[in-house]
Amino acid sequence: MTFYEAAIQVLRSAGCPLTTREITTRAIETGLITPRGKTPDATMSAALYLRLRNDAVLVKLQEPGEWRAKQGSVRWTLRELKSLSS
């Protein structure tokens, strides 16, 4: 299973927005992924950001900062879950 596929499965089962670290931790704990590198959070983040622009399923939530999102404010969810909470 890829990091992206694991993230989608984790987000569906969570039912609420999660940080990249939370997604990675849950994916590892449930055995969806077995990271071989030292920075699985960075790998998960890269997988999510690469798919964000062309993916109709994935949504990034963030609090705007001066130039970028405020540190620690980025959460990931699924479009289907976002529409349920709105």
N, C-alpha and C. Protein backbone atom coordinates (compact mmCIF):
# COMPACT_ATOMS: atom_id res chain seq x y z
N MET A 1 0.86 -1.18 0.00
CA MET A 1 0.00 0.00 0.00
C MET A 1 0.90 1.24 0.00
N THR A 2 0.52 2.23 -0.77
CA THR A 2 1.30 3.46 -0.82
C THR A 2 0.95 4.34 0.39
N PHE A 3 1.78 5.34 0.62
CA PHE A 3 1.51 6.28 1.71
C PHE A 3 0.20 7.01 1.45
N TYR A 4 -0.05 7.38 0.21
CA TYR A 4 -1.29 8.08 -0.13
C TYR A 4 -2.51 7.21 0.15
N GLU A 5 -2.48 5.96 -0.31
CA GLU A 5 -3.59 5.05 -0.08
C GLU A 5 -3.83 4.83 1.41
N ALA A 6 -2.75 4.71 2.16
CA ALA A 6 -2.86 4.56 3.61
C ALA A 6 -3.50 5.80 4.23
N ALA A 7 -3.11 6.98 3.76
CA ALA A 7 -3.67 8.22 4.29
C ALA A 7 -5.17 8.30 4.05
N ILE A 8 -5.60 7.94 2.86
CA ILE A 8 -7.03 7.97 2.54
C ILE A 8 -7.79 7.01 3.45
N GLN A 9 -7.26 5.84 3.66
CA GLN A 9 -7.92 4.86 4.53
C GLN A 9 -7.97 5.36 5.98
N VAL A 10 -6.88 5.94 6.45
CA VAL A 10 -6.85 6.48 7.82
C VAL A 10 -7.85 7.61 7.97
N LEU A 11 -7.91 8.52 7.01
CA LEU A 11 -8.83 9.65 7.09
C LEU A 11 -10.29 9.19 7.05
N ARG A 12 -10.58 8.19 6.24
CA ARG A 12 -11.95 7.65 6.20
C ARG A 12 -12.35 7.05 7.55
N SER A 13 -11.44 6.30 8.15
CA SER A 13 -11.77 5.66 9.42
C SER A 13 -11.81 6.67 10.57
N ALA A 14 -11.01 7.74 10.48
CA ALA A 14 -10.99 8.75 11.55
C ALA A 14 -12.27 9.58 11.54
N GLY A 15 -12.71 9.97 10.35
CA GLY A 15 -13.92 10.77 10.26
C GLY A 15 -13.76 12.22 10.64
N CYS A 16 -12.52 12.66 10.87
CA CYS A 16 -12.27 14.05 11.21
C CYS A 16 -10.90 14.45 10.66
N PRO A 17 -10.63 15.75 10.54
CA PRO A 17 -9.33 16.20 10.03
C PRO A 17 -8.18 15.78 10.95
N LEU A 18 -7.06 15.40 10.35
CA LEU A 18 -5.87 14.98 11.09
C LEU A 18 -4.63 15.68 10.54
N THR A 19 -3.63 15.82 11.39
CA THR A 19 -2.34 16.34 10.94
C THR A 19 -1.59 15.22 10.21
N THR A 20 -0.56 15.61 9.50
CA THR A 20 0.26 14.62 8.80
C THR A 20 0.86 13.62 9.79
N ARG A 21 1.33 14.10 10.91
CA ARG A 21 1.91 13.22 11.93
C ARG A 21 0.88 12.22 12.46
N GLU A 22 -0.34 12.69 12.71
CA GLU A 22 -1.39 11.79 13.19
C GLU A 22 -1.74 10.73 12.15
N ILE A 23 -1.81 11.13 10.90
CA ILE A 23 -2.09 10.18 9.82
C ILE A 23 -0.99 9.12 9.75
N THR A 24 0.26 9.58 9.78
CA THR A 24 1.40 8.66 9.70
C THR A 24 1.41 7.70 10.87
N THR A 25 1.22 8.21 12.07
CA THR A 25 1.23 7.38 13.27
C THR A 25 0.15 6.30 13.20
N ARG A 26 -1.05 6.69 12.83
CA ARG A 26 -2.15 5.72 12.74
C ARG A 26 -1.90 4.69 11.65
N ALA A 27 -1.34 5.12 10.53
CA ALA A 27 -1.05 4.18 9.43
C ALA A 27 -0.01 3.16 9.85
N ILE A 28 1.00 3.59 10.59
CA ILE A 28 2.04 2.67 11.07
C ILE A 28 1.46 1.73 12.13
N GLU A 29 0.70 2.28 13.07
CA GLU A 29 0.14 1.47 14.15
C GLU A 29 -0.82 0.39 13.64
N THR A 30 -1.56 0.70 12.58
CA THR A 30 -2.51 -0.27 12.04
C THR A 30 -1.88 -1.19 11.01
N GLY A 31 -0.62 -0.97 10.72
CA GLY A 31 0.10 -1.84 9.79
C GLY A 31 -0.17 -1.56 8.32
N LEU A 32 -0.72 -0.40 8.02
CA LEU A 32 -0.97 -0.06 6.63
C LEU A 32 0.31 0.23 5.87
N ILE A 33 1.27 0.83 6.54
CA ILE A 33 2.57 1.11 5.92
C ILE A 33 3.68 0.64 6.85
N THR A 34 4.79 0.31 6.25
CA THR A 34 5.99 -0.04 6.99
C THR A 34 7.11 0.83 6.45
N PRO A 35 7.35 1.98 7.06
CA PRO A 35 8.36 2.89 6.53
C PRO A 35 9.76 2.31 6.65
N ARG A 36 10.56 2.57 5.63
CA ARG A 36 11.94 2.11 5.63
C ARG A 36 12.91 3.25 5.93
N GLY A 37 12.45 4.49 5.79
CA GLY A 37 13.31 5.64 6.02
C GLY A 37 13.22 6.16 7.45
N LYS A 38 13.97 7.20 7.70
CA LYS A 38 14.02 7.79 9.05
C LYS A 38 12.94 8.85 9.28
N THR A 39 12.32 9.33 8.20
CA THR A 39 11.35 10.41 8.33
C THR A 39 10.03 10.07 7.64
N PRO A 40 9.27 9.15 8.20
CA PRO A 40 8.00 8.78 7.55
C PRO A 40 7.00 9.93 7.50
N ASP A 41 7.06 10.86 8.45
CA ASP A 41 6.16 12.03 8.42
C ASP A 41 6.43 12.87 7.18
N ALA A 42 7.69 13.05 6.84
CA ALA A 42 8.05 13.83 5.65
C ALA A 42 7.61 13.12 4.37
N THR A 43 7.73 11.81 4.36
CA THR A 43 7.29 11.03 3.20
C THR A 43 5.78 11.15 3.03
N MET A 44 5.05 11.05 4.14
CA MET A 44 3.59 11.17 4.08
C MET A 44 3.19 12.57 3.62
N SER A 45 3.86 13.58 4.16
CA SER A 45 3.57 14.96 3.77
C SER A 45 3.78 15.16 2.28
N ALA A 46 4.89 14.66 1.76
CA ALA A 46 5.18 14.79 0.33
C ALA A 46 4.12 14.08 -0.51
N ALA A 47 3.70 12.89 -0.08
CA ALA A 47 2.69 12.15 -0.81
C ALA A 47 1.37 12.91 -0.87
N LEU A 48 1.00 13.54 0.25
CA LEU A 48 -0.26 14.29 0.30
C LEU A 48 -0.18 15.56 -0.54
N TYR A 49 0.89 16.32 -0.41
CA TYR A 49 1.02 17.56 -1.17
C TYR A 49 1.10 17.30 -2.67
N LEU A 50 1.75 16.20 -3.08
CA LEU A 50 1.84 15.88 -4.50
C LEU A 50 0.47 15.57 -5.10
N ARG A 51 -0.40 14.97 -4.34
CA ARG A 51 -1.72 14.60 -4.84
C ARG A 51 -2.77 15.69 -4.67
N LEU A 52 -2.50 16.67 -3.84
CA LEU A 52 -3.50 17.68 -3.49
C LEU A 52 -4.07 18.42 -4.69
N ARG A 53 -3.22 18.88 -5.58
CA ARG A 53 -3.67 19.73 -6.68
C ARG A 53 -4.58 18.98 -7.67
N ASN A 54 -4.30 17.70 -7.91
CA ASN A 54 -5.03 16.95 -8.93
C ASN A 54 -6.00 15.92 -8.36
N ASP A 55 -6.26 15.99 -7.08
CA ASP A 55 -7.10 14.98 -6.44
C ASP A 55 -8.40 15.61 -5.96
N ALA A 56 -9.51 15.05 -6.40
CA ALA A 56 -10.81 15.59 -6.00
C ALA A 56 -11.25 15.09 -4.63
N VAL A 57 -10.51 14.16 -4.05
CA VAL A 57 -10.90 13.55 -2.78
C VAL A 57 -10.28 14.27 -1.59
N LEU A 58 -9.05 14.69 -1.72
CA LEU A 58 -8.25 15.22 -0.61
C LEU A 58 -8.44 16.73 -0.43
N VAL A 59 -8.55 17.17 0.83
CA VAL A 59 -8.71 18.59 1.16
C VAL A 59 -7.71 18.95 2.25
N LYS A 60 -7.05 20.11 2.08
CA LYS A 60 -6.12 20.62 3.09
C LYS A 60 -6.80 21.79 3.79
N LEU A 61 -6.88 21.73 5.10
CA LEU A 61 -7.43 22.81 5.92
C LEU A 61 -6.27 23.48 6.63
N GLN A 62 -6.29 24.81 6.70
CA GLN A 62 -5.19 25.52 7.34
C GLN A 62 -5.64 26.88 7.84
N GLU A 63 -4.92 27.40 8.81
CA GLU A 63 -5.13 28.76 9.27
C GLU A 63 -4.09 29.62 8.57
N PRO A 64 -4.52 30.68 7.90
CA PRO A 64 -3.56 31.50 7.18
C PRO A 64 -2.63 32.25 8.13
N GLY A 65 -1.38 32.32 7.74
CA GLY A 65 -0.39 33.08 8.48
C GLY A 65 0.02 34.28 7.65
N GLU A 66 1.14 34.88 7.99
CA GLU A 66 1.59 36.06 7.25
C GLU A 66 1.95 35.71 5.80
N TRP A 67 2.71 34.63 5.60
CA TRP A 67 3.12 34.23 4.26
C TRP A 67 2.58 32.86 3.88
N ARG A 68 2.53 31.97 4.81
CA ARG A 68 2.06 30.61 4.60
C ARG A 68 1.04 30.28 5.67
N ALA A 69 0.71 29.02 5.76
CA ALA A 69 -0.17 28.58 6.84
C ALA A 69 0.56 28.71 8.17
N LYS A 70 -0.20 29.00 9.23
CA LYS A 70 0.41 29.03 10.56
C LYS A 70 0.99 27.67 10.86
N GLN A 71 2.14 27.69 11.50
CA GLN A 71 2.82 26.44 11.82
C GLN A 71 1.93 25.56 12.70
N GLY A 72 1.80 24.32 12.30
CA GLY A 72 1.00 23.38 13.07
C GLY A 72 -0.49 23.45 12.81
N SER A 73 -0.93 24.29 11.87
CA SER A 73 -2.36 24.44 11.65
C SER A 73 -2.89 23.58 10.49
N VAL A 74 -2.02 22.97 9.72
CA VAL A 74 -2.47 22.20 8.55
C VAL A 74 -3.09 20.87 9.00
N ARG A 75 -4.30 20.65 8.53
CA ARG A 75 -5.01 19.40 8.78
C ARG A 75 -5.49 18.87 7.43
N TRP A 76 -5.58 17.56 7.32
CA TRP A 76 -6.03 16.92 6.09
C TRP A 76 -7.36 16.23 6.34
N THR A 77 -8.23 16.27 5.35
CA THR A 77 -9.51 15.58 5.44
C THR A 77 -9.92 15.16 4.04
N LEU A 78 -11.05 14.52 3.94
CA LEU A 78 -11.59 14.10 2.66
C LEU A 78 -12.76 15.00 2.31
N ARG A 79 -12.93 15.29 1.04
CA ARG A 79 -13.98 16.19 0.60
C ARG A 79 -15.35 15.70 1.08
N GLU A 80 -15.57 14.39 1.05
CA GLU A 80 -16.85 13.84 1.50
C GLU A 80 -17.10 14.09 2.97
N LEU A 81 -16.05 14.10 3.79
CA LEU A 81 -16.20 14.38 5.21
C LEU A 81 -16.38 15.86 5.48
N LYS A 82 -15.73 16.70 4.70
CA LYS A 82 -15.84 18.14 4.87
C LYS A 82 -17.27 18.58 4.58
N SER A 83 -17.88 18.02 3.53
CA SER A 83 -19.25 18.41 3.19
C SER A 83 -20.26 17.95 4.23
N LEU A 84 -19.96 16.86 4.93
CA LEU A 84 -20.85 16.39 5.99
C LEU A 84 -20.84 17.32 7.21
N SER A 85 -19.67 17.92 7.48
CA SER A 85 -19.55 18.78 8.66
C SER A 85 -20.00 20.20 8.40
N SER A 86 -20.17 20.58 7.13
CA SER A 86 -20.58 21.95 6.80
C SER A 86 -22.07 22.14 6.88
